[in-house]
């Protein structure tokens, strides 16, 4: 897949949007880092739209659980790295 950066603010924000490739109708991700009393807070948003109309929406509901599990693992690894 190929992406373009739609928003960038060093050490604060990154947003990307798929421009080609993959089997998605559209794919976007947004990351933000902001100060918090205990260090930093990282937020993440992912929006995936699948093709195939209603069938794509049903597949998306099922796939969301797998995606959430991957994101949880990603942030657990990031936390370990940041605290090292």
PDB file of N, CA and C in Angstrom:
ATOM      1  N   UNK A   1       0.838  -1.176   0.000  1.00  0.00           N
ATOM      2  CA  UNK A   1       0.000   0.000   0.000  1.00  0.00           C
ATOM      3  C   UNK A   1       0.885   1.243   0.000  1.00  0.00           C
ATOM      4  N   UNK A   2       0.389   2.288  -0.615  1.00  0.00           N
ATOM      5  CA  UNK A   2       1.087   3.571  -0.614  1.00  0.00           C
ATOM      6  C   UNK A   2       0.212   4.590   0.109  1.00  0.00           C
ATOM      7  N   UNK A   3       0.862   5.418   0.924  1.00  0.00           N
ATOM      8  CA  UNK A   3       0.155   6.410   1.723  1.00  0.00           C
ATOM      9  C   UNK A   3       0.699   7.795   1.435  1.00  0.00           C
ATOM     10  N   UNK A   4      -0.113   8.796   1.739  1.00  0.00           N
ATOM     11  CA  UNK A   4       0.363  10.170   1.749  1.00  0.00           C
ATOM     12  C   UNK A   4       0.132  10.717   3.152  1.00  0.00           C
ATOM     13  N   UNK A   5       1.015  11.586   3.574  1.00  0.00           N
ATOM     14  CA  UNK A   5       0.882  12.229   4.873  1.00  0.00           C
ATOM     15  C   UNK A   5      -0.103  13.378   4.710  1.00  0.00           C
ATOM     16  N   UNK A   6      -1.153  13.357   5.522  1.00  0.00           N
ATOM     17  CA  UNK A   6      -2.165  14.412   5.433  1.00  0.00           C
ATOM     18  C   UNK A   6      -2.031  15.425   6.565  1.00  0.00           C
ATOM     19  N   UNK A   7      -1.302  15.036   7.608  1.00  0.00           N
ATOM     20  CA  UNK A   7      -1.055  15.977   8.708  1.00  0.00           C
ATOM     21  C   UNK A   7       0.242  15.568   9.390  1.00  0.00           C
ATOM     22  N   UNK A   8       1.069  16.560   9.717  1.00  0.00           N
ATOM     23  CA  UNK A   8       2.336  16.276  10.376  1.00  0.00           C
ATOM     24  C   UNK A   8       2.703  17.466  11.246  1.00  0.00           C
ATOM     25  N   UNK A   9       2.944  17.191  12.496  1.00  0.00           N
ATOM     26  CA  UNK A   9       3.490  18.189  13.410  1.00  0.00           C
ATOM     27  C   UNK A   9       4.494  17.434  14.268  1.00  0.00           C
ATOM     28  N   UNK A  10       5.771  17.715  14.056  1.00  0.00           N
ATOM     29  CA  UNK A  10       6.836  16.942  14.684  1.00  0.00           C
ATOM     30  C   UNK A  10       6.621  16.773  16.181  1.00  0.00           C
ATOM     31  N   UNK A  11       6.766  15.542  16.631  1.00  0.00           N
ATOM     32  CA  UNK A  11       6.606  15.153  18.039  1.00  0.00           C
ATOM     33  C   UNK A  11       5.185  15.359  18.568  1.00  0.00           C
ATOM     34  N   UNK A  12       4.206  15.586  17.683  1.00  0.00           N
ATOM     35  CA  UNK A  12       2.830  15.785  18.137  1.00  0.00           C
ATOM     36  C   UNK A  12       1.805  14.996  17.341  1.00  0.00           C
ATOM     37  N   UNK A  13       1.819  15.090  16.006  1.00  0.00           N
ATOM     38  CA  UNK A  13       0.749  14.487  15.203  1.00  0.00           C
ATOM     39  C   UNK A  13       1.283  13.886  13.916  1.00  0.00           C
ATOM     40  N   UNK A  14       0.615  12.815  13.497  1.00  0.00           N
ATOM     41  CA  UNK A  14       0.865  12.219  12.191  1.00  0.00           C
ATOM     42  C   UNK A  14      -0.447  11.636  11.704  1.00  0.00           C
ATOM     43  N   UNK A  15      -0.824  11.974  10.494  1.00  0.00           N
ATOM     44  CA  UNK A  15      -2.014  11.394   9.868  1.00  0.00           C
ATOM     45  C   UNK A  15      -1.624  10.953   8.464  1.00  0.00           C
ATOM     46  N   UNK A  16      -2.075   9.764   8.098  1.00  0.00           N
ATOM     47  CA  UNK A  16      -1.780   9.230   6.764  1.00  0.00           C
ATOM     48  C   UNK A  16      -3.063   8.717   6.125  1.00  0.00           C
ATOM     49  N   UNK A  17      -3.049   8.697   4.796  1.00  0.00           N
ATOM     50  CA  UNK A  17      -4.200   8.229   4.025  1.00  0.00           C
ATOM     51  C   UNK A  17      -3.681   7.380   2.878  1.00  0.00           C
ATOM     52  N   UNK A  18      -4.314   6.220   2.658  1.00  0.00           N
ATOM     53  CA  UNK A  18      -3.929   5.341   1.571  1.00  0.00           C
ATOM     54  C   UNK A  18      -4.269   6.009   0.237  1.00  0.00           C
ATOM     55  N   UNK A  19      -3.317   5.967  -0.681  1.00  0.00           N
ATOM     56  CA  UNK A  19      -3.580   6.518  -2.006  1.00  0.00           C
ATOM     57  C   UNK A  19      -3.605   5.439  -3.085  1.00  0.00           C
ATOM     58  N   UNK A  20      -3.035   4.254  -2.774  1.00  0.00           N
ATOM     59  CA  UNK A  20      -3.111   3.148  -3.728  1.00  0.00           C
ATOM     60  C   UNK A  20      -2.685   1.855  -3.052  1.00  0.00           C
ATOM     61  N   UNK A  21      -3.063   0.752  -3.693  1.00  0.00           N
ATOM     62  CA  UNK A  21      -2.680  -0.561  -3.197  1.00  0.00           C
ATOM     63  C   UNK A  21      -3.658  -1.089  -2.175  1.00  0.00           C
ATOM     64  N   UNK A  22      -3.405  -2.289  -1.745  1.00  0.00           N
ATOM     65  CA  UNK A  22      -4.246  -2.891  -0.725  1.00  0.00           C
ATOM     66  C   UNK A  22      -5.608  -3.277  -1.256  1.00  0.00           C
ATOM     67  N   UNK A  23      -6.369  -3.902  -0.419  1.00  0.00           N
ATOM     68  CA  UNK A  23      -7.701  -4.352  -0.822  1.00  0.00           C
ATOM     69  C   UNK A  23      -8.793  -3.561  -0.105  1.00  0.00           C
ATOM     70  N   UNK A  24      -8.466  -2.352   0.321  1.00  0.00           N
ATOM     71  CA  UNK A  24      -9.422  -1.501   1.019  1.00  0.00           C
ATOM     72  C   UNK A  24      -9.972  -0.442   0.081  1.00  0.00           C
ATOM     73  N   UNK A  25     -11.179  -0.008   0.373  1.00  0.00           N
ATOM     74  CA  UNK A  25     -11.749   1.119  -0.365  1.00  0.00           C
ATOM     75  C   UNK A  25     -11.065   2.412   0.100  1.00  0.00           C
ATOM     76  N   UNK A  26     -10.878   2.532   1.411  1.00  0.00           N
ATOM     77  CA  UNK A  26     -10.098   3.643   1.964  1.00  0.00           C
ATOM     78  C   UNK A  26      -9.495   3.205   3.290  1.00  0.00           C
ATOM     79  N   UNK A  27      -8.387   3.864   3.650  1.00  0.00           N
ATOM     80  CA  UNK A  27      -7.651   3.508   4.864  1.00  0.00           C
ATOM     81  C   UNK A  27      -6.961   4.764   5.364  1.00  0.00           C
ATOM     82  N   UNK A  28      -7.229   5.128   6.614  1.00  0.00           N
ATOM     83  CA  UNK A  28      -6.606   6.298   7.225  1.00  0.00           C
ATOM     84  C   UNK A  28      -6.172   5.961   8.636  1.00  0.00           C
ATOM     85  N   UNK A  29      -5.068   6.583   9.070  1.00  0.00           N
ATOM     86  CA  UNK A  29      -4.604   6.459  10.441  1.00  0.00           C
ATOM     87  C   UNK A  29      -4.219   7.839  10.955  1.00  0.00           C
ATOM     88  N   UNK A  30      -4.493   8.052  12.248  1.00  0.00           N
ATOM     89  CA  UNK A  30      -4.125   9.298  12.911  1.00  0.00           C
ATOM     90  C   UNK A  30      -3.465   8.947  14.238  1.00  0.00           C
ATOM     91  N   UNK A  31      -2.281   9.520  14.479  1.00  0.00           N
ATOM     92  CA  UNK A  31      -1.564   9.363  15.736  1.00  0.00           C
ATOM     93  C   UNK A  31      -1.392  10.740  16.354  1.00  0.00           C
ATOM     94  N   UNK A  32      -1.477  10.812  17.677  1.00  0.00           N
ATOM     95  CA  UNK A  32      -1.211  12.072  18.370  1.00  0.00           C
ATOM     96  C   UNK A  32      -0.505  11.766  19.683  1.00  0.00           C
ATOM     97  N   UNK A  33       0.447  12.614  20.044  1.00  0.00           N
ATOM     98  CA  UNK A  33       1.155  12.519  21.318  1.00  0.00           C
ATOM     99  C   UNK A  33       0.945  13.849  22.024  1.00  0.00           C
ATOM    100  N   UNK A  34       0.518  13.772  23.278  1.00  0.00           N
ATOM    101  CA  UNK A  34       0.298  14.996  24.037  1.00  0.00           C
ATOM    102  C   UNK A  34       0.813  14.825  25.459  1.00  0.00           C
ATOM    103  N   UNK A  35       1.235  15.916  26.089  1.00  0.00           N
ATOM    104  CA  UNK A  35       1.728  15.823  27.460  1.00  0.00           C
ATOM    105  C   UNK A  35       0.626  15.336  28.416  1.00  0.00           C
ATOM    106  N   UNK A  36       1.049  14.575  29.392  1.00  0.00           N
ATOM    107  CA  UNK A  36       0.141  14.094  30.440  1.00  0.00           C
ATOM    108  C   UNK A  36       0.891  14.191  31.762  1.00  0.00           C
ATOM    109  N   UNK A  37       0.176  14.244  32.888  1.00  0.00           N
ATOM    110  CA  UNK A  37       0.851  14.377  34.186  1.00  0.00           C
ATOM    111  C   UNK A  37       1.916  13.303  34.432  1.00  0.00           C
ATOM    112  N   UNK A  38       1.685  12.096  33.927  1.00  0.00           N
ATOM    113  CA  UNK A  38       2.639  11.008  34.174  1.00  0.00           C
ATOM    114  C   UNK A  38       3.630  10.810  33.032  1.00  0.00           C
ATOM    115  N   UNK A  39       3.637  11.668  32.026  1.00  0.00           N
ATOM    116  CA  UNK A  39       4.553  11.537  30.893  1.00  0.00           C
ATOM    117  C   UNK A  39       3.908  12.023  29.612  1.00  0.00           C
ATOM    118  N   UNK A  40       3.495  11.083  28.774  1.00  0.00           N
ATOM    119  CA  UNK A  40       2.843  11.420  27.508  1.00  0.00           C
ATOM    120  C   UNK A  40       1.656  10.504  27.264  1.00  0.00           C
ATOM    121  N   UNK A  41       0.691  11.009  26.539  1.00  0.00           N
ATOM    122  CA  UNK A  41      -0.474  10.217  26.149  1.00  0.00           C
ATOM    123  C   UNK A  41      -0.441  10.083  24.632  1.00  0.00           C
ATOM    124  N   UNK A  42      -0.565   8.853  24.168  1.00  0.00           N
ATOM    125  CA  UNK A  42      -0.581   8.585  22.734  1.00  0.00           C
ATOM    126  C   UNK A  42      -1.992   8.159  22.361  1.00  0.00           C
ATOM    127  N   UNK A  43      -2.540   8.782  21.337  1.00  0.00           N
ATOM    128  CA  UNK A  43      -3.856   8.356  20.850  1.00  0.00           C
ATOM    129  C   UNK A  43      -3.715   7.895  19.402  1.00  0.00           C
ATOM    130  N   UNK A  44      -4.598   6.997  19.030  1.00  0.00           N
ATOM    131  CA  UNK A  44      -4.530   6.376  17.718  1.00  0.00           C
ATOM    132  C   UNK A  44      -5.939   6.159  17.207  1.00  0.00           C
ATOM    133  N   UNK A  45      -6.143   6.473  15.934  1.00  0.00           N
ATOM    134  CA  UNK A  45      -7.433   6.234  15.297  1.00  0.00           C
ATOM    135  C   UNK A  45      -7.157   5.634  13.939  1.00  0.00           C
ATOM    136  N   UNK A  46      -7.905   4.605  13.606  1.00  0.00           N
ATOM    137  CA  UNK A  46      -7.764   3.946  12.318  1.00  0.00           C
ATOM    138  C   UNK A  46      -9.155   3.803  11.718  1.00  0.00           C
ATOM    139  N   UNK A  47      -9.294   4.196  10.470  1.00  0.00           N
ATOM    140  CA  UNK A  47     -10.577   4.048   9.781  1.00  0.00           C
ATOM    141  C   UNK A  47     -10.336   3.292   8.474  1.00  0.00           C
ATOM    142  N   UNK A  48     -10.978   2.146   8.384  1.00  0.00           N
ATOM    143  CA  UNK A  48     -10.845   1.303   7.196  1.00  0.00           C
ATOM    144  C   UNK A  48     -12.236   1.106   6.612  1.00  0.00           C
ATOM    145  N   UNK A  49     -12.362   1.346   5.327  1.00  0.00           N
ATOM    146  CA  UNK A  49     -13.613   1.075   4.631  1.00  0.00           C
ATOM    147  C   UNK A  49     -13.313   0.009   3.584  1.00  0.00           C
ATOM    148  N   UNK A  50     -14.040  -1.087   3.691  1.00  0.00           N
ATOM    149  CA  UNK A  50     -13.850  -2.199   2.775  1.00  0.00           C
ATOM    150  C   UNK A  50     -14.795  -2.075   1.587  1.00  0.00           C
ATOM    151  N   UNK A  51     -14.393  -2.637   0.455  1.00  0.00           N
ATOM    152  CA  UNK A  51     -15.307  -2.675  -0.688  1.00  0.00           C
ATOM    153  C   UNK A  51     -16.405  -3.714  -0.437  1.00  0.00           C
ATOM    154  N   UNK A  52     -17.226  -3.976  -1.379  1.00  0.00           N
ATOM    155  CA  UNK A  52     -18.255  -5.027  -1.363  1.00  0.00           C
ATOM    156  C   UNK A  52     -19.525  -4.637  -0.617  1.00  0.00           C
ATOM    157  N   UNK A  53     -19.782  -3.365  -0.413  1.00  0.00           N
ATOM    158  CA  UNK A  53     -21.047  -2.907   0.162  1.00  0.00           C
ATOM    159  C   UNK A  53     -21.346  -3.509   1.520  1.00  0.00           C
ATOM    160  N   UNK A  54     -22.548  -4.090   1.662  1.00  0.00           N
ATOM    161  CA  UNK A  54     -22.996  -4.641   2.939  1.00  0.00           C
ATOM    162  C   UNK A  54     -22.079  -5.772   3.384  1.00  0.00           C
ATOM    163  N   UNK A  55     -21.655  -6.615   2.451  1.00  0.00           N
ATOM    164  CA  UNK A  55     -20.739  -7.711   2.788  1.00  0.00           C
ATOM    165  C   UNK A  55     -19.439  -7.156   3.364  1.00  0.00           C
ATOM    166  N   UNK A  56     -18.922  -6.092   2.789  1.00  0.00           N
ATOM    167  CA  UNK A  56     -17.718  -5.455   3.301  1.00  0.00           C
ATOM    168  C   UNK A  56     -17.908  -4.928   4.714  1.00  0.00           C
ATOM    169  N   UNK A  57     -19.084  -4.383   4.998  1.00  0.00           N
ATOM    170  CA  UNK A  57     -19.367  -3.890   6.354  1.00  0.00           C
ATOM    171  C   UNK A  57     -19.395  -5.039   7.348  1.00  0.00           C
ATOM    172  N   UNK A  58     -19.979  -6.160   6.970  1.00  0.00           N
ATOM    173  CA  UNK A  58     -20.007  -7.329   7.859  1.00  0.00           C
ATOM    174  C   UNK A  58     -18.596  -7.862   8.104  1.00  0.00           C
ATOM    175  N   UNK A  59     -17.809  -7.954   7.051  1.00  0.00           N
ATOM    176  CA  UNK A  59     -16.424  -8.400   7.199  1.00  0.00           C
ATOM    177  C   UNK A  59     -15.666  -7.421   8.096  1.00  0.00           C
ATOM    178  N   UNK A  60     -15.934  -6.134   7.934  1.00  0.00           N
ATOM    179  CA  UNK A  60     -15.281  -5.107   8.742  1.00  0.00           C
ATOM    180  C   UNK A  60     -15.564  -5.265  10.217  1.00  0.00           C
ATOM    181  N   UNK A  61     -16.776  -5.609  10.568  1.00  0.00           N
ATOM    182  CA  UNK A  61     -17.133  -5.815  11.979  1.00  0.00           C
ATOM    183  C   UNK A  61     -16.314  -6.967  12.553  1.00  0.00           C
ATOM    184  N   UNK A  62     -16.192  -8.036  11.789  1.00  0.00           N
ATOM    185  CA  UNK A  62     -15.420  -9.191  12.246  1.00  0.00           C
ATOM    186  C   UNK A  62     -13.927  -8.847  12.327  1.00  0.00           C
ATOM    187  N   UNK A  63     -13.420  -8.176  11.312  1.00  0.00           N
ATOM    188  CA  UNK A  63     -11.994  -7.840  11.251  1.00  0.00           C
ATOM    189  C   UNK A  63     -11.600  -6.807  12.299  1.00  0.00           C
ATOM    190  N   UNK A  64     -12.556  -6.032  12.790  1.00  0.00           N
ATOM    191  CA  UNK A  64     -12.237  -4.997  13.768  1.00  0.00           C
ATOM    192  C   UNK A  64     -11.639  -5.596  15.029  1.00  0.00           C
ATOM    193  N   UNK A  65     -12.126  -6.742  15.447  1.00  0.00           N
ATOM    194  CA  UNK A  65     -11.566  -7.398  16.626  1.00  0.00           C
ATOM    195  C   UNK A  65     -10.106  -7.762  16.433  1.00  0.00           C
ATOM    196  N   UNK A  66      -9.766  -8.267  15.263  1.00  0.00           N
ATOM    197  CA  UNK A  66      -8.371  -8.611  14.967  1.00  0.00           C
ATOM    198  C   UNK A  66      -7.512  -7.353  14.926  1.00  0.00           C
ATOM    199  N   UNK A  67      -8.032  -6.288  14.335  1.00  0.00           N
ATOM    200  CA  UNK A  67      -7.297  -5.037  14.261  1.00  0.00           C
ATOM    201  C   UNK A  67      -7.060  -4.467  15.654  1.00  0.00           C
ATOM    202  N   UNK A  68      -8.090  -4.502  16.500  1.00  0.00           N
ATOM    203  CA  UNK A  68      -7.951  -3.998  17.869  1.00  0.00           C
ATOM    204  C   UNK A  68      -6.875  -4.767  18.629  1.00  0.00           C
ATOM    205  N   UNK A  69      -6.825  -6.079  18.445  1.00  0.00           N
ATOM    206  CA  UNK A  69      -5.807  -6.896  19.109  1.00  0.00           C
ATOM    207  C   UNK A  69      -4.408  -6.510  18.629  1.00  0.00           C
ATOM    208  N   UNK A  70      -4.256  -6.257  17.335  1.00  0.00           N
ATOM    209  CA  UNK A  70      -2.953  -5.845  16.797  1.00  0.00           C
ATOM    210  C   UNK A  70      -2.534  -4.486  17.350  1.00  0.00           C
ATOM    211  N   UNK A  71      -3.469  -3.566  17.430  1.00  0.00           N
ATOM    212  CA  UNK A  71      -3.163  -2.232  17.964  1.00  0.00           C
ATOM    213  C   UNK A  71      -2.785  -2.332  19.438  1.00  0.00           C
ATOM    214  N   UNK A  72      -3.484  -3.162  20.199  1.00  0.00           N
ATOM    215  CA  UNK A  72      -3.143  -3.347  21.619  1.00  0.00           C
ATOM    216  C   UNK A  72      -1.718  -3.868  21.766  1.00  0.00           C
ATOM    217  N   UNK A  73      -1.324  -4.832  20.949  1.00  0.00           N
ATOM    218  CA  UNK A  73       0.045  -5.361  20.986  1.00  0.00           C
ATOM    219  C   UNK A  73       1.046  -4.280  20.599  1.00  0.00           C
ATOM    220  N   UNK A  74       0.711  -3.492  19.580  1.00  0.00           N
ATOM    221  CA  UNK A  74       1.595  -2.425  19.124  1.00  0.00           C
ATOM    222  C   UNK A  74       1.851  -1.424  20.251  1.00  0.00           C
ATOM    223  N   UNK A  75       0.806  -1.027  20.956  1.00  0.00           N
ATOM    224  CA  UNK A  75       0.978  -0.051  22.034  1.00  0.00           C
ATOM    225  C   UNK A  75       1.655  -0.646  23.251  1.00  0.00           C
ATOM    226  N   UNK A  76       1.475  -1.931  23.514  1.00  0.00           N
ATOM    227  CA  UNK A  76       2.195  -2.580  24.611  1.00  0.00           C
ATOM    228  C   UNK A  76       3.698  -2.564  24.328  1.00  0.00           C
ATOM    229  N   UNK A  77       4.092  -2.834  23.098  1.00  0.00           N
ATOM    230  CA  UNK A  77       5.506  -2.791  22.719  1.00  0.00           C
ATOM    231  C   UNK A  77       6.036  -1.367  22.791  1.00  0.00           C
ATOM    232  N   UNK A  78       5.239  -0.402  22.334  1.00  0.00           N
ATOM    233  CA  UNK A  78       5.659   1.002  22.402  1.00  0.00           C
ATOM    234  C   UNK A  78       5.868   1.431  23.843  1.00  0.00           C
ATOM    235  N   UNK A  79       4.995   1.007  24.743  1.00  0.00           N
ATOM    236  CA  UNK A  79       5.116   1.357  26.160  1.00  0.00           C
ATOM    237  C   UNK A  79       6.405   0.804  26.741  1.00  0.00           C
ATOM    238  N   UNK A  80       6.723  -0.438  26.426  1.00  0.00           N
ATOM    239  CA  UNK A  80       7.968  -1.048  26.904  1.00  0.00           C
ATOM    240  C   UNK A  80       9.176  -0.264  26.388  1.00  0.00           C
ATOM    241  N   UNK A  81       9.170   0.086  25.108  1.00  0.00           N
ATOM    242  CA  UNK A  81      10.278   0.843  24.531  1.00  0.00           C
ATOM    243  C   UNK A  81      10.397   2.222  25.166  1.00  0.00           C
ATOM    244  N   UNK A  82       9.289   2.891  25.386  1.00  0.00           N
ATOM    245  CA  UNK A  82       9.315   4.247  25.934  1.00  0.00           C
ATOM    246  C   UNK A  82       9.776   4.263  27.385  1.00  0.00           C
ATOM    247  N   UNK A  83       9.469   3.197  28.112  1.00  0.00           N
ATOM    248  CA  UNK A  83       9.840   3.151  29.524  1.00  0.00           C
ATOM    249  C   UNK A  83      11.235   2.597  29.749  1.00  0.00           C
ATOM    250  N   UNK A  84      11.876   2.102  28.692  1.00  0.00           N
ATOM    251  CA  UNK A  84      13.218   1.509  28.837  1.00  0.00           C
ATOM    252  C   UNK A  84      14.280   2.590  29.052  1.00  0.00           C
TER     253      UNK A  84
END
